[in-house]
Amino acid sequence: MTITTDRITLDGQGTATIDGGGGQPTEFDGVVTIDAVQGVTIKGFTIQHGPGEDILGLRGAAFAVRNTTVRENGFTGVVVGQSSTAELSDCSLHHNGNGMEVVTGSSAVFKGTIDITDNSVGGLDINGTSIVEVRGAHVQASRNGGFGVVAGSNSELSFFGYATSAGSTLTVDANVRGGIALGDSLLEVLSENTTITVRNSPVGIIVRPGNIVSPFGSGTFVIENNDVGLDFRLGGTAIFRGGLTVQNNGTGVRTEDGAGVLWFISIPPNPSAITGNGLDVDLRFGARATFDGVAVGTITCDGTALSRGTTVCP
């Protein structure tokens, strides 16, 4: 089914199923394709068994997907591509190859409850100068075969400071390769009462290169039960101002291969702690880290690393 007319609404009323029939996997073959049109709404469906994608937006399409389950596709559940825009609210994307891809200069906004779980390859992939905004949503990216969330090629996962964005959550749990991976991209937390939880994976968040920015003390990060909690590689930087808990990981914070400047700041209303890990902080290869009031248990540094503040290299 290809939609080429503006302002069309498909309403499955919560019971209808669109079945792609399966077959050999074929990329860019949507069960529902929105091609270069605006104002399309898809709601109340189960869309399944596409050989390629369940929902595919191309060539500047603008569409919304609401109260819909996307499952068991050969490649990706939902693709937003070629400068398209999408809004997803109260959707489940599971048992696909990839859960969702936002690529080639495209954008997506998440609202309500978004479950991107149990996909065989990966969860959410943001690439090619694209952006995903979490706006007052509760997002789950868990039990995927790769990473829960990947942002690469100058892309962005953001929690903006709008009033409607307050109270957003992102839970990334038990993904096979890791929780969140940033490659030349940004994870930005500006909204009030935002909580990001990353746990039970080989690496919680890996940054190589890229930036984590939480400058206003409004975000809470819980990084726990990973082999490595926060892993910064070449050019990986971060500013955590309050709200960081790194605990029960094999290594809490690790830097390798020329990581950039790291700031860990604790503030009274929203304190930070890196404690209770096998090794709490391991700084290597020229890393520069500032710890301002943060509780840190154990720290090791090689001869090229520098730290300052309330915790310093021994």
Protein backbone atom coordinates (compact mmCIF):
# COMPACT_ATOMS: atom_id res chain seq x y z
CA MET A 1 0.00 0.00 0.00
CA THR A 2 1.50 3.33 -1.09
CA ILE A 3 -0.06 6.59 0.09
CA THR A 4 0.41 9.46 -2.34
CA THR A 5 -2.44 11.77 -1.22
CA ASP A 6 -2.12 14.44 1.45
CA ARG A 7 -4.13 14.41 4.69
CA ILE A 8 -5.24 10.77 4.62
CA THR A 9 -6.17 8.96 7.87
CA LEU A 10 -6.13 5.17 8.13
CA ASP A 11 -8.02 4.08 11.26
CA GLY A 12 -7.94 0.43 12.26
CA GLN A 13 -10.03 1.17 15.38
CA GLY A 14 -7.71 -0.97 17.47
CA THR A 15 -8.66 -4.28 15.84
CA ALA A 16 -7.54 -4.24 12.19
CA THR A 17 -4.40 -5.98 10.90
CA ILE A 18 -2.42 -5.20 7.75
CA ASP A 19 -0.31 -8.23 6.81
CA GLY A 20 2.59 -7.94 4.39
CA GLY A 21 2.67 -11.66 3.66
CA GLY A 22 6.29 -12.25 4.61
CA GLY A 23 8.70 -13.63 2.05
CA GLN A 24 12.39 -13.05 1.45
CA PRO A 25 13.69 -9.89 3.15
CA THR A 26 13.76 -6.87 0.81
CA GLU A 27 14.95 -3.44 1.92
CA PHE A 28 12.83 -0.33 1.28
CA ASP A 29 9.70 -2.34 0.62
CA GLY A 30 7.02 -1.01 2.96
CA VAL A 31 3.76 -2.68 3.84
CA VAL A 32 2.55 0.92 4.17
CA THR A 33 4.67 3.50 2.29
CA ILE A 34 4.08 7.24 2.72
CA ASP A 35 5.66 8.80 -0.34
CA ALA A 36 6.25 12.59 -0.43
CA VAL A 37 2.87 13.51 1.09
CA GLN A 38 1.85 15.46 4.18
CA GLY A 39 -0.60 15.06 7.03
CA VAL A 40 -0.97 11.27 6.93
CA THR A 41 -2.18 9.52 10.11
CA ILE A 42 -2.06 5.77 10.76
CA LYS A 43 -3.76 4.64 13.96
CA GLY A 44 -5.22 1.60 15.66
CA PHE A 45 -3.53 -1.09 13.57
CA THR A 46 -1.33 -4.12 13.88
CA ILE A 47 1.03 -4.05 10.89
CA GLN A 48 3.11 -7.18 10.41
CA HIS A 49 5.11 -9.58 8.24
CA GLY A 50 6.54 -7.09 5.80
CA PRO A 51 9.47 -8.44 3.79
CA GLY A 52 11.15 -5.05 4.23
CA GLU A 53 9.53 -2.43 6.45
CA ASP A 54 6.08 -2.18 8.00
CA ILE A 55 5.88 1.61 7.72
CA LEU A 56 8.17 3.50 5.34
CA GLY A 57 8.22 7.29 4.98
CA LEU A 58 10.19 8.71 2.05
CA ARG A 59 10.91 11.93 0.12
CA GLY A 60 9.82 14.51 2.67
CA ALA A 61 6.76 12.66 3.94
CA ALA A 62 5.09 13.95 7.12
CA PHE A 63 3.05 11.41 9.06
CA ALA A 64 1.83 10.28 12.49
CA VAL A 65 1.55 6.75 13.86
CA ARG A 66 -0.71 6.26 16.89
CA ASN A 67 -1.78 3.27 18.97
CA THR A 68 -0.20 0.85 16.54
CA THR A 69 1.82 -2.36 16.85
CA VAL A 70 4.55 -3.02 14.29
CA ARG A 71 6.00 -6.52 14.35
CA GLU A 72 7.77 -9.40 12.64
CA ASN A 73 9.26 -7.62 9.63
CA GLY A 74 12.20 -8.71 7.55
CA PHE A 75 14.20 -5.52 7.99
CA THR A 76 12.85 -2.59 10.04
CA GLY A 77 9.54 -1.86 11.72
CA VAL A 78 9.39 1.88 10.98
CA VAL A 79 11.71 3.87 8.69
CA VAL A 80 11.63 7.67 8.51
CA GLY A 81 13.92 8.63 5.64
CA GLN A 82 14.85 11.15 2.98
CA SER A 83 14.02 14.32 4.96
CA SER A 84 10.74 12.96 6.30
CA THR A 85 9.13 13.71 9.67
CA ALA A 86 7.11 11.44 11.93
CA GLU A 87 5.31 11.56 15.25
CA LEU A 88 4.84 8.27 17.12
CA SER A 89 2.57 7.96 20.13
CA ASP A 90 1.63 4.81 22.08
CA CYS A 91 3.28 2.38 19.69
CA SER A 92 5.01 -0.98 20.04
CA LEU A 93 7.78 -2.08 17.67
CA HIS A 94 8.91 -5.62 18.39
CA HIS A 95 10.29 -8.80 16.83
CA ASN A 96 11.52 -7.02 13.71
CA GLY A 97 15.05 -6.93 12.34
CA ASN A 98 15.58 -3.34 13.50
CA GLY A 99 12.89 -1.65 15.50
CA MET A 100 13.08 1.85 13.99
CA GLU A 101 15.41 3.89 11.78
CA VAL A 102 15.41 7.68 11.42
CA VAL A 103 17.88 8.47 8.65
CA THR A 104 19.03 10.86 5.88
CA GLY A 105 18.10 14.21 7.35
CA SER A 106 14.84 13.10 8.96
CA SER A 107 13.19 13.63 12.36
CA ALA A 108 10.82 11.88 14.73
CA VAL A 109 8.99 12.88 17.90
CA PHE A 110 8.01 10.31 20.54
CA LYS A 111 4.94 10.79 22.73
CA GLY A 112 3.03 8.52 25.08
CA THR A 113 4.49 5.02 25.53
CA ILE A 114 6.96 3.73 22.95
CA ASP A 115 8.20 0.13 23.22
CA ILE A 116 11.10 -0.81 20.93
CA THR A 117 11.86 -4.28 22.25
CA ASP A 118 12.91 -7.79 21.27
CA ASN A 119 14.16 -6.87 17.78
CA SER A 120 16.79 -9.24 16.43
CA VAL A 121 19.30 -6.68 15.08
CA GLY A 122 18.82 -3.48 17.07
CA GLY A 123 16.35 -1.08 18.62
CA LEU A 124 16.40 2.59 17.55
CA ASP A 125 18.91 3.77 14.91
CA ILE A 126 19.33 7.54 14.27
CA ASN A 127 21.71 8.36 11.43
CA GLY A 128 22.60 10.76 8.64
CA THR A 129 22.11 14.12 10.41
CA SER A 130 18.76 13.10 11.86
CA ILE A 131 17.06 13.78 15.19
CA VAL A 132 14.71 11.99 17.58
CA GLU A 133 13.01 14.10 20.23
CA VAL A 134 11.41 12.50 23.30
CA ARG A 135 8.52 14.76 24.30
CA GLY A 136 6.82 13.66 27.50
CA ALA A 137 7.18 10.03 26.45
CA HIS A 138 8.11 6.81 28.22
CA VAL A 139 10.44 4.97 25.88
CA GLN A 140 11.65 1.39 26.32
CA ALA A 141 14.51 0.11 24.13
CA SER A 142 15.27 -3.29 25.60
CA ARG A 143 16.22 -6.89 24.81
CA ASN A 144 17.34 -6.08 21.28
CA GLY A 145 19.99 -8.12 19.49
CA GLY A 146 22.39 -5.20 19.01
CA PHE A 147 22.32 -1.84 20.81
CA GLY A 148 19.17 -0.40 22.27
CA VAL A 149 19.86 3.04 20.75
CA VAL A 150 22.47 4.10 18.18
CA ALA A 151 23.02 7.72 17.09
CA GLY A 152 25.63 8.27 14.39
CA SER A 153 26.72 10.61 11.61
CA ASN A 154 26.04 13.92 13.34
CA SER A 155 22.63 12.92 14.67
CA GLU A 156 20.86 13.66 17.95
CA LEU A 157 18.67 12.12 20.65
CA SER A 158 17.18 15.03 22.61
CA PHE A 159 14.95 15.81 25.54
CA PHE A 160 14.23 19.49 24.92
CA GLY A 161 13.23 21.99 27.59
CA TYR A 162 9.57 22.29 26.62
CA ALA A 163 6.99 22.02 29.40
CA THR A 164 5.42 19.13 27.50
CA SER A 165 8.74 17.26 27.62
CA ALA A 166 8.92 17.18 31.42
CA GLY A 167 8.75 13.74 32.99
CA SER A 168 10.17 11.87 30.01
CA THR A 169 11.87 8.52 30.59
CA LEU A 170 14.16 6.31 28.53
CA THR A 171 14.82 2.77 29.78
CA VAL A 172 17.49 0.75 27.94
CA ASP A 173 17.76 -2.73 29.43
CA ALA A 174 19.42 -6.04 28.56
CA ASN A 175 20.49 -5.36 24.96
CA VAL A 176 22.94 -7.90 23.55
CA ARG A 177 25.73 -5.56 22.35
CA GLY A 178 25.13 -2.54 24.54
CA GLY A 179 22.73 0.12 25.72
CA ILE A 180 23.39 3.42 23.90
CA ALA A 181 26.10 4.08 21.30
CA LEU A 182 27.03 7.60 20.15
CA GLY A 183 29.22 8.05 17.08
CA ASP A 184 29.87 11.69 16.21
CA SER A 185 26.46 12.48 17.72
CA LEU A 186 24.71 14.06 20.70
CA LEU A 187 22.59 12.87 23.63
CA GLU A 188 21.08 16.04 25.13
CA VAL A 189 18.94 16.40 28.26
CA LEU A 190 17.35 19.82 28.82
CA SER A 191 13.84 18.96 30.08
CA GLU A 192 12.79 18.79 33.73
CA ASN A 193 12.49 15.46 35.55
CA THR A 194 13.96 13.38 32.75
CA THR A 195 15.25 9.93 33.72
CA ILE A 196 17.53 7.77 31.57
CA THR A 197 18.20 4.25 32.88
CA VAL A 198 20.74 1.99 31.18
CA ARG A 199 21.44 -1.43 32.63
CA ASN A 200 22.26 -5.11 32.16
CA SER A 201 24.38 -4.88 28.99
CA PRO A 202 28.06 -5.32 28.06
CA VAL A 203 28.39 -1.52 27.95
CA GLY A 204 25.87 1.01 29.21
CA ILE A 205 26.73 4.07 27.09
CA ILE A 206 29.66 4.19 24.68
CA VAL A 207 30.75 7.52 23.16
CA ARG A 208 33.24 7.49 20.26
CA PRO A 209 33.22 10.33 19.38
CA GLY A 210 30.24 12.36 20.52
CA ASN A 211 28.77 14.23 23.44
CA ILE A 212 26.48 13.69 26.38
CA VAL A 213 25.14 17.05 27.57
CA SER A 214 23.03 17.45 30.71
CA PRO A 215 23.94 20.99 31.82
CA PHE A 216 20.99 22.20 33.90
CA GLY A 217 20.68 19.63 36.68
CA SER A 218 17.30 18.53 35.37
CA GLY A 219 18.28 15.04 34.18
CA THR A 220 18.76 11.80 36.11
CA PHE A 221 21.01 9.06 34.73
CA VAL A 222 21.06 5.61 36.33
CA ILE A 223 23.81 3.43 34.85
CA GLU A 224 23.92 0.04 36.55
CA ASN A 225 24.70 -3.65 36.21
CA ASN A 226 26.71 -3.36 33.00
CA ASP A 227 30.18 -4.73 32.34
CA VAL A 228 31.24 -1.11 31.70
CA GLY A 229 28.88 1.71 32.65
CA LEU A 230 30.17 4.75 30.73
CA ASP A 231 32.83 4.14 28.07
CA PHE A 232 34.45 7.17 26.42
CA ARG A 233 36.66 6.66 23.36
CA LEU A 234 38.37 9.00 20.88
CA GLY A 235 36.73 12.43 21.13
CA GLY A 236 34.02 11.31 23.52
CA THR A 237 32.98 14.08 25.93
CA ALA A 238 30.34 14.66 28.59
CA ILE A 239 28.83 17.20 30.95
CA PHE A 240 26.77 15.68 33.76
CA ARG A 241 25.51 18.38 36.11
CA GLY A 242 23.84 16.43 38.88
CA GLY A 243 21.70 13.35 38.80
CA LEU A 244 24.31 10.76 37.81
CA THR A 245 24.32 7.38 39.56
CA VAL A 246 26.84 4.83 38.27
CA GLN A 247 26.70 1.65 40.36
CA ASN A 248 27.12 -2.13 40.31
CA ASN A 249 29.02 -2.17 37.01
CA GLY A 250 32.26 -4.03 36.42
CA THR A 251 33.89 -0.66 35.66
CA GLY A 252 31.86 2.47 36.29
CA VAL A 253 33.56 5.05 34.02
CA ARG A 254 36.30 4.09 31.55
CA THR A 255 38.24 6.19 29.05
CA GLU A 256 40.37 4.87 26.19
CA ASP A 257 41.94 5.99 22.90
CA GLY A 258 42.05 9.74 23.48
CA ALA A 259 38.73 10.53 25.12
CA GLY A 260 37.83 14.20 25.40
CA VAL A 261 37.01 16.40 28.39
CA LEU A 262 34.61 14.99 30.98
CA TRP A 263 32.74 17.00 33.63
CA PHE A 264 31.02 15.26 36.53
CA ILE A 265 29.29 17.79 38.80
CA SER A 266 27.16 17.13 41.86
CA ILE A 267 24.53 19.66 42.96
CA PRO A 268 22.62 19.57 46.28
CA PRO A 269 19.12 18.98 44.90
CA ASN A 270 20.33 16.32 42.47
CA PRO A 271 23.61 14.75 43.67
CA SER A 272 25.90 12.43 41.71
CA ALA A 273 27.83 9.32 42.71
CA ILE A 274 30.13 6.82 41.00
CA THR A 275 30.41 4.14 43.65
CA GLY A 276 29.91 0.44 44.26
CA ASN A 277 31.43 -0.73 40.99
CA GLY A 278 34.24 -3.27 40.63
CA LEU A 279 36.41 -0.27 39.67
CA ASP A 280 34.65 3.06 39.80
CA VAL A 281 36.80 5.23 37.48
CA ASP A 282 39.54 4.13 35.07
CA LEU A 283 41.18 7.04 33.19
CA ARG A 284 43.61 6.32 30.34
CA PHE A 285 45.17 7.72 27.15
CA GLY A 286 45.16 11.44 27.88
CA ALA A 287 41.70 11.71 29.41
CA ARG A 288 40.80 14.94 31.22
CA ALA A 289 38.17 14.65 33.94
CA THR A 290 36.76 17.06 36.52
CA PHE A 291 34.93 15.74 39.57
CA ASP A 292 33.10 18.52 41.42
CA GLY A 293 31.53 17.21 44.61
CA VAL A 294 30.80 13.79 43.11
CA ALA A 295 31.15 10.78 45.38
CA VAL A 296 33.76 8.51 43.78
CA GLY A 297 34.88 5.23 45.30
CA THR A 298 38.03 3.96 43.54
CA ILE A 299 39.98 5.63 40.74
CA THR A 300 42.98 4.56 38.67
CA CYS A 301 44.84 6.61 36.05
CA ASP A 302 47.68 5.94 33.68
CA GLY A 303 50.52 8.44 33.31
CA THR A 304 48.77 10.45 30.59
CA ALA A 305 45.44 11.07 32.35
CA LEU A 306 44.62 14.12 34.44
CA SER A 307 41.84 14.77 36.94
CA ARG A 308 40.94 17.70 39.13
CA GLY A 309 38.35 18.73 41.69
CA THR A 310 37.29 16.74 44.72
CA THR A 311 38.65 13.46 43.26
CA VAL A 312 42.07 13.32 41.63
CA CYS A 313 44.32 10.66 40.16
CA PRO A 314 46.48 8.97 42.82
